[in-house]
PDB file of N, CA and C in Angstrom:
ATOM      1  N   MET A   1      -0.368  19.611 -12.852  1.00  0.00           N
ATOM      2  CA  MET A   1       0.003  19.504 -11.472  1.00  0.00           C
ATOM      3  C   MET A   1      -0.101  18.041 -11.050  1.00  0.00           C
ATOM      4  N   ASP A   2       0.859  17.589 -10.290  1.00  0.00           N
ATOM      5  CA  ASP A   2       0.860  16.239  -9.743  1.00  0.00           C
ATOM      6  C   ASP A   2       1.188  16.349  -8.262  1.00  0.00           C
ATOM      7  N   LEU A   3       0.260  15.986  -7.415  1.00  0.00           N
ATOM      8  CA  LEU A   3       0.458  16.035  -5.968  1.00  0.00           C
ATOM      9  C   LEU A   3       0.375  14.630  -5.405  1.00  0.00           C
ATOM     10  N   ASN A   4       1.310  14.300  -4.529  1.00  0.00           N
ATOM     11  CA  ASN A   4       1.215  13.006  -3.864  1.00  0.00           C
ATOM     12  C   ASN A   4       1.686  13.114  -2.432  1.00  0.00           C
ATOM     13  N   THR A   5       1.173  12.216  -1.614  1.00  0.00           N
ATOM     14  CA  THR A   5       1.539  12.183  -0.204  1.00  0.00           C
ATOM     15  C   THR A   5       1.447  10.751   0.297  1.00  0.00           C
ATOM     16  N   SER A   6       2.189  10.474   1.335  1.00  0.00           N
ATOM     17  CA  SER A   6       2.106   9.149   1.936  1.00  0.00           C
ATOM     18  C   SER A   6       2.454   9.245   3.413  1.00  0.00           C
ATOM     19  N   PHE A   7       1.995   8.267   4.142  1.00  0.00           N
ATOM     20  CA  PHE A   7       2.267   8.168   5.573  1.00  0.00           C
ATOM     21  C   PHE A   7       2.294   6.689   5.915  1.00  0.00           C
ATOM     22  N   ALA A   8       3.258   6.265   6.706  1.00  0.00           N
ATOM     23  CA  ALA A   8       3.341   4.851   7.070  1.00  0.00           C
ATOM     24  C   ALA A   8       3.963   4.678   8.448  1.00  0.00           C
ATOM     25  N   ARG A   9       3.544   3.616   9.097  1.00  0.00           N
ATOM     26  CA  ARG A   9       4.166   3.179  10.343  1.00  0.00           C
ATOM     27  C   ARG A   9       4.410   1.683  10.182  1.00  0.00           C
ATOM     28  N   THR A  10       5.652   1.299  10.197  1.00  0.00           N
ATOM     29  CA  THR A  10       5.988  -0.118  10.096  1.00  0.00           C
ATOM     30  C   THR A  10       6.629  -0.561  11.397  1.00  0.00           C
ATOM     31  N   ALA A  11       6.401  -1.799  11.743  1.00  0.00           N
ATOM     32  CA  ALA A  11       6.931  -2.331  12.991  1.00  0.00           C
ATOM     33  C   ALA A  11       7.237  -3.812  12.828  1.00  0.00           C
ATOM     34  N   ARG A  12       8.270  -4.259  13.469  1.00  0.00           N
ATOM     35  CA  ARG A  12       8.599  -5.681  13.460  1.00  0.00           C
ATOM     36  C   ARG A  12       7.551  -6.463  14.249  1.00  0.00           C
ATOM     37  N   GLU A  13       7.023  -5.820  15.278  1.00  0.00           N
ATOM     38  CA  GLU A  13       6.015  -6.445  16.134  1.00  0.00           C
ATOM     39  C   GLU A  13       4.913  -5.423  16.412  1.00  0.00           C
ATOM     40  N   GLY A  14       3.668  -5.854  16.349  1.00  0.00           N
ATOM     41  CA  GLY A  14       2.561  -4.944  16.613  1.00  0.00           C
ATOM     42  C   GLY A  14       1.920  -4.425  15.335  1.00  0.00           C
ATOM     43  N   LEU A  15       1.316  -3.247  15.436  1.00  0.00           N
ATOM     44  CA  LEU A  15       0.530  -2.657  14.361  1.00  0.00           C
ATOM     45  C   LEU A  15       1.405  -1.950  13.323  1.00  0.00           C
ATOM     46  N   SER A  16       1.098  -2.194  12.054  1.00  0.00           N
ATOM     47  CA  SER A  16       1.727  -1.486  10.934  1.00  0.00           C
ATOM     48  C   SER A  16       0.615  -0.983  10.025  1.00  0.00           C
ATOM     49  N   TYR A  17       0.810   0.200   9.424  1.00  0.00           N
ATOM     50  CA  TYR A  17      -0.189   0.736   8.516  1.00  0.00           C
ATOM     51  C   TYR A  17       0.454   1.767   7.612  1.00  0.00           C
ATOM     52  N   GLY A  18      -0.213   2.046   6.521  1.00  0.00           N
ATOM     53  CA  GLY A  18       0.292   3.056   5.598  1.00  0.00           C
ATOM     54  C   GLY A  18      -0.761   3.436   4.587  1.00  0.00           C
ATOM     55  N   ILE A  19      -0.619   4.638   4.046  1.00  0.00           N
ATOM     56  CA  ILE A  19      -1.545   5.127   3.023  1.00  0.00           C
ATOM     57  C   ILE A  19      -0.759   5.984   2.025  1.00  0.00           C
ATOM     58  N   TYR A  20      -1.140   5.919   0.769  1.00  0.00           N
ATOM     59  CA  TYR A  20      -0.513   6.699  -0.290  1.00  0.00           C
ATOM     60  C   TYR A  20      -1.624   7.278  -1.172  1.00  0.00           C
ATOM     61  N   MET A  21      -1.538   8.559  -1.473  1.00  0.00           N
ATOM     62  CA  MET A  21      -2.504   9.224  -2.345  1.00  0.00           C
ATOM     63  C   MET A  21      -1.746  10.013  -3.411  1.00  0.00           C
ATOM     64  N   ASP A  22      -2.244   9.978  -4.639  1.00  0.00           N
ATOM     65  CA  ASP A  22      -1.629  10.702  -5.750  1.00  0.00           C
ATOM     66  C   ASP A  22      -2.744  11.310  -6.602  1.00  0.00           C
ATOM     67  N   TRP A  23      -2.646  12.600  -6.871  1.00  0.00           N
ATOM     68  CA  TRP A  23      -3.606  13.283  -7.741  1.00  0.00           C
ATOM     69  C   TRP A  23      -2.837  13.873  -8.914  1.00  0.00           C
ATOM     70  N   VAL A  24      -3.184  13.437 -10.106  1.00  0.00           N
ATOM     71  CA  VAL A  24      -2.602  13.955 -11.336  1.00  0.00           C
ATOM     72  C   VAL A  24      -3.670  14.832 -11.984  1.00  0.00           C
ATOM     73  N   GLY A  25      -3.390  16.131 -12.114  1.00  0.00           N
ATOM     74  CA  GLY A  25      -4.363  17.087 -12.647  1.00  0.00           C
ATOM     75  C   GLY A  25      -4.628  16.924 -14.128  1.00  0.00           C
ATOM     76  N   LYS A  26      -5.676  17.602 -14.597  1.00  0.00           N
ATOM     77  CA  LYS A  26      -6.080  17.533 -16.010  1.00  0.00           C
ATOM     78  C   LYS A  26      -4.990  18.000 -16.962  1.00  0.00           C
ATOM     79  N   ASN A  27      -4.273  19.059 -16.584  1.00  0.00           N
ATOM     80  CA  ASN A  27      -3.299  19.674 -17.485  1.00  0.00           C
ATOM     81  C   ASN A  27      -1.869  19.215 -17.233  1.00  0.00           C
ATOM     82  N   PHE A  28      -1.692  18.156 -16.474  1.00  0.00           N
ATOM     83  CA  PHE A  28      -0.344  17.662 -16.189  1.00  0.00           C
ATOM     84  C   PHE A  28       0.222  16.984 -17.433  1.00  0.00           C
ATOM     85  N   SER A  29       1.415  17.383 -17.824  1.00  0.00           N
ATOM     86  CA  SER A  29       2.069  16.820 -18.994  1.00  0.00           C
ATOM     87  C   SER A  29       3.529  16.541 -18.643  1.00  0.00           C
ATOM     88  N   PRO A  30       3.839  15.348 -18.196  1.00  0.00           N
ATOM     89  CA  PRO A  30       5.210  15.047 -17.770  1.00  0.00           C
ATOM     90  C   PRO A  30       6.180  15.037 -18.946  1.00  0.00           C
ATOM     91  N   SER A  31       7.365  15.560 -18.717  1.00  0.00           N
ATOM     92  CA  SER A  31       8.354  15.595 -19.783  1.00  0.00           C
ATOM     93  C   SER A  31       9.060  14.254 -19.950  1.00  0.00           C
ATOM     94  N   LEU A  32       9.104  13.427 -18.909  1.00  0.00           N
ATOM     95  CA  LEU A  32       9.803  12.152 -18.992  1.00  0.00           C
ATOM     96  C   LEU A  32       8.872  10.961 -19.201  1.00  0.00           C
ATOM     97  N   GLY A  33       7.569  11.171 -19.090  1.00  0.00           N
ATOM     98  CA  GLY A  33       6.628  10.100 -19.391  1.00  0.00           C
ATOM     99  C   GLY A  33       6.404   9.079 -18.289  1.00  0.00           C
ATOM    100  N   TYR A  34       6.720   9.399 -17.040  1.00  0.00           N
ATOM    101  CA  TYR A  34       6.485   8.443 -15.952  1.00  0.00           C
ATOM    102  C   TYR A  34       4.997   8.239 -15.700  1.00  0.00           C
ATOM    103  N   VAL A  35       4.189   9.285 -15.865  1.00  0.00           N
ATOM    104  CA  VAL A  35       2.744   9.201 -15.677  1.00  0.00           C
ATOM    105  C   VAL A  35       2.115   9.124 -17.065  1.00  0.00           C
ATOM    106  N   GLN A  36       1.408   8.050 -17.345  1.00  0.00           N
ATOM    107  CA  GLN A  36       0.921   7.812 -18.700  1.00  0.00           C
ATOM    108  C   GLN A  36      -0.454   8.412 -18.969  1.00  0.00           C
ATOM    109  N   GLU A  37      -1.134   8.914 -17.942  1.00  0.00           N
ATOM    110  CA  GLU A  37      -2.432   9.546 -18.148  1.00  0.00           C
ATOM    111  C   GLU A  37      -2.598  10.676 -17.140  1.00  0.00           C
ATOM    112  N   ASN A  38      -3.500  11.602 -17.451  1.00  0.00           N
ATOM    113  CA  ASN A  38      -3.731  12.705 -16.532  1.00  0.00           C
ATOM    114  C   ASN A  38      -5.163  12.637 -15.998  1.00  0.00           C
ATOM    115  N   ASP A  39      -5.521  13.602 -15.128  1.00  0.00           N
ATOM    116  CA  ASP A  39      -6.827  13.649 -14.473  1.00  0.00           C
ATOM    117  C   ASP A  39      -7.138  12.309 -13.809  1.00  0.00           C
ATOM    118  N   LEU A  40      -6.364  11.993 -12.789  1.00  0.00           N
ATOM    119  CA  LEU A  40      -6.416  10.681 -12.162  1.00  0.00           C
ATOM    120  C   LEU A  40      -6.152  10.807 -10.666  1.00  0.00           C
ATOM    121  N   ILE A  41      -6.874  10.054  -9.874  1.00  0.00           N
ATOM    122  CA  ILE A  41      -6.608   9.963  -8.435  1.00  0.00           C
ATOM    123  C   ILE A  41      -6.313   8.501  -8.122  1.00  0.00           C
ATOM    124  N   ASN A  42      -5.136   8.257  -7.554  1.00  0.00           N
ATOM    125  CA  ASN A  42      -4.698   6.918  -7.134  1.00  0.00           C
ATOM    126  C   ASN A  42      -4.608   6.882  -5.622  1.00  0.00           C
ATOM    127  N   GLY A  43      -4.963   5.787  -5.040  1.00  0.00           N
ATOM    128  CA  GLY A  43      -4.788   5.613  -3.608  1.00  0.00           C
ATOM    129  C   GLY A  43      -4.485   4.166  -3.301  1.00  0.00           C
ATOM    130  N   SER A  44      -3.684   3.940  -2.282  1.00  0.00           N
ATOM    131  CA  SER A  44      -3.411   2.581  -1.836  1.00  0.00           C
ATOM    132  C   SER A  44      -3.049   2.624  -0.361  1.00  0.00           C
ATOM    133  N   GLY A  45      -3.150   1.485   0.271  1.00  0.00           N
ATOM    134  CA  GLY A  45      -2.813   1.440   1.675  1.00  0.00           C
ATOM    135  C   GLY A  45      -2.794   0.022   2.207  1.00  0.00           C
ATOM    136  N   PHE A  46      -2.390  -0.083   3.450  1.00  0.00           N
ATOM    137  CA  PHE A  46      -2.344  -1.379   4.117  1.00  0.00           C
ATOM    138  C   PHE A  46      -2.501  -1.171   5.616  1.00  0.00           C
ATOM    139  N   ALA A  47      -2.936  -2.210   6.286  1.00  0.00           N
ATOM    140  CA  ALA A  47      -2.997  -2.238   7.746  1.00  0.00           C
ATOM    141  C   ALA A  47      -2.788  -3.684   8.161  1.00  0.00           C
ATOM    142  N   GLY A  48      -1.930  -3.881   9.132  1.00  0.00           N
ATOM    143  CA  GLY A  48      -1.640  -5.248   9.544  1.00  0.00           C
ATOM    144  C   GLY A  48      -1.091  -5.328  10.950  1.00  0.00           C
ATOM    145  N   TYR A  49      -0.911  -6.557  11.397  1.00  0.00           N
ATOM    146  CA  TYR A  49      -0.405  -6.804  12.739  1.00  0.00           C
ATOM    147  C   TYR A  49       0.579  -7.965  12.699  1.00  0.00           C
ATOM    148  N   HIS A  50       1.656  -7.853  13.462  1.00  0.00           N
ATOM    149  CA  HIS A  50       2.691  -8.892  13.550  1.00  0.00           C
ATOM    150  C   HIS A  50       2.770  -9.395  14.985  1.00  0.00           C
ATOM    151  N   TRP A  51       2.788 -10.724  15.140  1.00  0.00           N
ATOM    152  CA  TRP A  51       2.940 -11.341  16.455  1.00  0.00           C
ATOM    153  C   TRP A  51       4.268 -12.067  16.504  1.00  0.00           C
ATOM    154  N   LYS A  52       4.951 -11.960  17.615  1.00  0.00           N
ATOM    155  CA  LYS A  52       6.221 -12.673  17.786  1.00  0.00           C
ATOM    156  C   LYS A  52       5.929 -14.115  18.184  1.00  0.00           C
ATOM    157  N   ALA A  53       6.640 -15.049  17.556  1.00  0.00           N
ATOM    158  CA  ALA A  53       6.492 -16.466  17.884  1.00  0.00           C
ATOM    159  C   ALA A  53       7.255 -16.773  19.175  1.00  0.00           C
ATOM    160  N   LYS A  54       7.025 -17.957  19.705  1.00  0.00           N
ATOM    161  CA  LYS A  54       7.739 -18.368  20.926  1.00  0.00           C
ATOM    162  C   LYS A  54       9.233 -18.446  20.654  1.00  0.00           C
ATOM    163  N   GLU A  55      10.010 -18.170  21.663  1.00  0.00           N
ATOM    164  CA  GLU A  55      11.472 -18.104  21.539  1.00  0.00           C
ATOM    165  C   GLU A  55      12.072 -19.417  21.028  1.00  0.00           C
ATOM    166  N   GLU A  56      11.549 -20.563  21.474  1.00  0.00           N
ATOM    167  CA  GLU A  56      12.108 -21.863  21.080  1.00  0.00           C
ATOM    168  C   GLU A  56      11.646 -22.313  19.694  1.00  0.00           C
ATOM    169  N   SER A  57      10.736 -21.594  19.088  1.00  0.00           N
ATOM    170  CA  SER A  57      10.210 -21.939  17.775  1.00  0.00           C
ATOM    171  C   SER A  57      11.185 -21.540  16.661  1.00  0.00           C
ATOM    172  N   LYS A  58      11.128 -22.253  15.539  1.00  0.00           N
ATOM    173  CA  LYS A  58      11.914 -21.877  14.354  1.00  0.00           C
ATOM    174  C   LYS A  58      11.263 -20.702  13.631  1.00  0.00           C
ATOM    175  N   LYS A  59      10.028 -20.423  13.990  1.00  0.00           N
ATOM    176  CA  LYS A  59       9.320 -19.290  13.414  1.00  0.00           C
ATOM    177  C   LYS A  59       9.712 -18.024  14.170  1.00  0.00           C
ATOM    178  N   ALA A  60       9.766 -16.895  13.443  1.00  0.00           N
ATOM    179  CA  ALA A  60      10.086 -15.620  14.085  1.00  0.00           C
ATOM    180  C   ALA A  60       8.817 -14.820  14.371  1.00  0.00           C
ATOM    181  N   TYR A  61       7.959 -14.662  13.328  1.00  0.00           N
ATOM    182  CA  TYR A  61       6.748 -13.841  13.469  1.00  0.00           C
ATOM    183  C   TYR A  61       5.613 -14.421  12.639  1.00  0.00           C
ATOM    184  N   TYR A  62       4.408 -14.136  13.082  1.00  0.00           N
ATOM    185  CA  TYR A  62       3.189 -14.380  12.317  1.00  0.00           C
ATOM    186  C   TYR A  62       2.640 -13.013  11.921  1.00  0.00           C
ATOM    187  N   TYR A  63       1.961 -12.941  10.787  1.00  0.00           N
ATOM    188  CA  TYR A  63       1.385 -11.650  10.420  1.00  0.00           C
ATOM    189  C   TYR A  63       0.064 -11.825   9.675  1.00  0.00           C
ATOM    190  N   LEU A  64      -0.748 -10.776   9.752  1.00  0.00           N
ATOM    191  CA  LEU A  64      -2.010 -10.681   9.053  1.00  0.00           C
ATOM    192  C   LEU A  64      -2.122  -9.251   8.555  1.00  0.00           C
ATOM    193  N   GLN A  65      -2.446  -9.071   7.276  1.00  0.00           N
ATOM    194  CA  GLN A  65      -2.460  -7.726   6.690  1.00  0.00           C
ATOM    195  C   GLN A  65      -3.570  -7.597   5.658  1.00  0.00           C
ATOM    196  N   ALA A  66      -4.205  -6.423   5.625  1.00  0.00           N
ATOM    197  CA  ALA A  66      -5.193  -6.078   4.605  1.00  0.00           C
ATOM    198  C   ALA A  66      -4.596  -4.996   3.708  1.00  0.00           C
ATOM    199  N   ASN A  67      -4.871  -5.064   2.415  1.00  0.00           N
ATOM    200  CA  ASN A  67      -4.334  -4.113   1.434  1.00  0.00           C
ATOM    201  C   ASN A  67      -5.479  -3.588   0.570  1.00  0.00           C
ATOM    202  N   PHE A  68      -5.338  -2.358   0.087  1.00  0.00           N
ATOM    203  CA  PHE A  68      -6.332  -1.843  -0.851  1.00  0.00           C
ATOM    204  C   PHE A  68      -5.664  -0.954  -1.896  1.00  0.00           C
ATOM    205  N   ILE A  69      -6.293  -0.915  -3.073  1.00  0.00           N
ATOM    206  CA  ILE A  69      -5.874  -0.044  -4.176  1.00  0.00           C
ATOM    207  C   ILE A  69      -7.150   0.572  -4.754  1.00  0.00           C
ATOM    208  N   TYR A  70      -7.090   1.868  -5.035  1.00  0.00           N
ATOM    209  CA  TYR A  70      -8.256   2.575  -5.576  1.00  0.00           C
ATOM    210  C   TYR A  70      -7.781   3.541  -6.653  1.00  0.00           C
ATOM    211  N   LYS A  71      -8.491   3.592  -7.774  1.00  0.00           N
ATOM    212  CA  LYS A  71      -8.147   4.490  -8.877  1.00  0.00           C
ATOM    213  C   LYS A  71      -9.436   5.092  -9.420  1.00  0.00           C
ATOM    214  N   TRP A  72      -9.457   6.427  -9.532  1.00  0.00           N
ATOM    215  CA  TRP A  72     -10.664   7.137  -9.965  1.00  0.00           C
ATOM    216  C   TRP A  72     -10.307   8.183 -10.995  1.00  0.00           C
ATOM    217  N   LYS A  73     -11.126   8.299 -12.040  1.00  0.00           N
ATOM    218  CA  LYS A  73     -10.973   9.324 -13.077  1.00  0.00           C
ATOM    219  C   LYS A  73     -12.051  10.383 -12.847  1.00  0.00           C
ATOM    220  N   PRO A  74     -11.715  11.536 -12.216  1.00  0.00           N
ATOM    221  CA  PRO A  74     -12.718  12.560 -11.913  1.00  0.00           C
ATOM    222  C   PRO A  74     -13.436  13.099 -13.150  1.00  0.00           C
ATOM    223  N   ASP A  75     -12.716  13.325 -14.236  1.00  0.00           N
ATOM    224  CA  ASP A  75     -13.309  13.894 -15.445  1.00  0.00           C
ATOM    225  C   ASP A  75     -14.424  13.004 -15.994  1.00  0.00           C
ATOM    226  N   LEU A  76     -14.239  11.698 -15.891  1.00  0.00           N
ATOM    227  CA  LEU A  76     -15.230  10.745 -16.376  1.00  0.00           C
ATOM    228  C   LEU A  76     -16.192  10.307 -15.274  1.00  0.00           C
ATOM    229  N   ASP A  77     -15.914  10.728 -14.035  1.00  0.00           N
ATOM    230  CA  ASP A  77     -16.664  10.293 -12.856  1.00  0.00           C
ATOM    231  C   ASP A  77     -16.761   8.764 -12.842  1.00  0.00           C
ATOM    232  N   LYS A  78     -15.585   8.139 -13.033  1.00  0.00           N
ATOM    233  CA  LYS A  78     -15.533   6.688 -13.169  1.00  0.00           C
ATOM    234  C   LYS A  78     -14.479   6.093 -12.243  1.00  0.00           C
ATOM    235  N   GLU A  79     -14.872   5.073 -11.486  1.00  0.00           N
ATOM    236  CA  GLU A  79     -13.919   4.306 -10.696  1.00  0.00           C
ATOM    237  C   GLU A  79     -13.300   3.264 -11.618  1.00  0.00           C
ATOM    238  N   GLU A  80     -11.985   3.292 -11.737  1.00  0.00           N
ATOM    239  CA  GLU A  80     -11.327   2.336 -12.621  1.00  0.00           C
ATOM    240  C   GLU A  80     -10.887   1.087 -11.880  1.00  0.00           C
ATOM    241  N   THR A  81     -10.459   1.254 -10.632  1.00  0.00           N
ATOM    242  CA  THR A  81      -9.951   0.118  -9.875  1.00  0.00           C
ATOM    243  C   THR A  81     -10.403   0.208  -8.428  1.00  0.00           C
ATOM    244  N   LYS A  82     -10.927  -0.888  -7.923  1.00  0.00           N
ATOM    245  CA  LYS A  82     -11.167  -1.080  -6.498  1.00  0.00           C
ATOM    246  C   LYS A  82     -10.682  -2.485  -6.194  1.00  0.00           C
ATOM    247  N   PHE A  83      -9.646  -2.583  -5.370  1.00  0.00           N
ATOM    248  CA  PHE A  83      -9.060  -3.887  -5.095  1.00  0.00           C
ATOM    249  C   PHE A  83      -8.764  -3.987  -3.609  1.00  0.00           C
ATOM    250  N   ILE A  84      -9.224  -5.055  -2.998  1.00  0.00           N
ATOM    251  CA  ILE A  84      -8.958  -5.307  -1.579  1.00  0.00           C
ATOM    252  C   ILE A  84      -8.447  -6.737  -1.463  1.00  0.00           C
ATOM    253  N   SER A  85      -7.398  -6.910  -0.668  1.00  0.00           N
ATOM    254  CA  SER A  85      -6.868  -8.252  -0.451  1.00  0.00           C
ATOM    255  C   SER A  85      -6.417  -8.397   0.999  1.00  0.00           C
ATOM    256  N   THR A  86      -6.301  -9.620   1.411  1.00  0.00           N
ATOM    257  CA  THR A  86      -5.741  -9.915   2.735  1.00  0.00           C
ATOM    258  C   THR A  86      -4.630 -10.933   2.553  1.00  0.00           C
ATOM    259  N   GLN A  87      -3.701 -10.901   3.463  1.00  0.00           N
ATOM    260  CA  GLN A  87      -2.629 -11.885   3.430  1.00  0.00           C
ATOM    261  C   GLN A  87      -2.254 -12.258   4.849  1.00  0.00           C
ATOM    262  N   ALA A  88      -1.863 -13.488   5.004  1.00  0.00           N
ATOM    263  CA  ALA A  88      -1.408 -13.998   6.292  1.00  0.00           C
ATOM    264  C   ALA A  88      -0.139 -14.785   6.033  1.00  0.00           C
ATOM    265  N   GLY A  89       0.737 -14.817   7.009  1.00  0.00           N
ATOM    266  CA  GLY A  89       1.972 -15.542   6.778  1.00  0.00           C
ATOM    267  C   GLY A  89       2.805 -15.745   8.023  1.00  0.00           C
ATOM    268  N   VAL A  90       3.918 -16.389   7.794  1.00  0.00           N
ATOM    269  CA  VAL A  90       4.875 -16.705   8.849  1.00  0.00           C
ATOM    270  C   VAL A  90       6.257 -16.351   8.325  1.00  0.00           C
ATOM    271  N   SER A  91       7.072 -15.712   9.149  1.00  0.00           N
ATOM    272  CA  SER A  91       8.482 -15.529   8.801  1.00  0.00           C
ATOM    273  C   SER A  91       9.303 -16.389   9.739  1.00  0.00           C
ATOM    274  N   PHE A  92      10.403 -16.894   9.215  1.00  0.00           N
ATOM    275  CA  PHE A  92      11.240 -17.813   9.969  1.00  0.00           C
ATOM    276  C   PHE A  92      12.541 -17.182  10.401  1.00  0.00           C
ATOM    277  N   LYS A  93      13.112 -17.722  11.463  1.00  0.00           N
ATOM    278  CA  LYS A  93      14.403 -17.233  11.944  1.00  0.00           C
ATOM    279  C   LYS A  93      15.484 -17.678  10.964  1.00  0.00           C
ATOM    280  N   SER A  94      16.549 -16.933  10.917  1.00  0.00           N
ATOM    281  CA  SER A  94      17.670 -17.253  10.046  1.00  0.00           C
ATOM    282  C   SER A  94      18.414 -18.472  10.561  1.00  0.00           C
ATOM    283  N   TRP A  95      18.852 -19.333   9.628  1.00  0.00           N
ATOM    284  CA  TRP A  95      19.606 -20.508  10.026  1.00  0.00           C
ATOM    285  C   TRP A  95      21.104 -20.240  10.053  1.00  0.00           C
ATOM    286  N   CYS A  96      21.497 -19.099   9.606  1.00  0.00           N
ATOM    287  CA  CYS A  96      22.933 -18.757   9.555  1.00  0.00           C
ATOM    288  C   CYS A  96      23.394 -18.140  10.852  1.00  0.00           C
TER     289      CYS A  96
END
């Protein structure tokens, strides 16, 4: 059995967030080989905020975002991956 779900809210301005969860059961055996291991729980997500720059600026938006990735093997009771990052940036208006 392979179950997955996700939820996201994206916005050009303001709050954006999302989460993704995937559970691959012990007896899951894919016929096409997309999942390379079984008995696995994957999770990832993000949360961020976008601010609009001043109208006369060449910049369009500023943003700040946090991201996470988590991977756990229930059968082994082992966390394989815990990753957290942040990013900040600027997007520019089109010159065309």
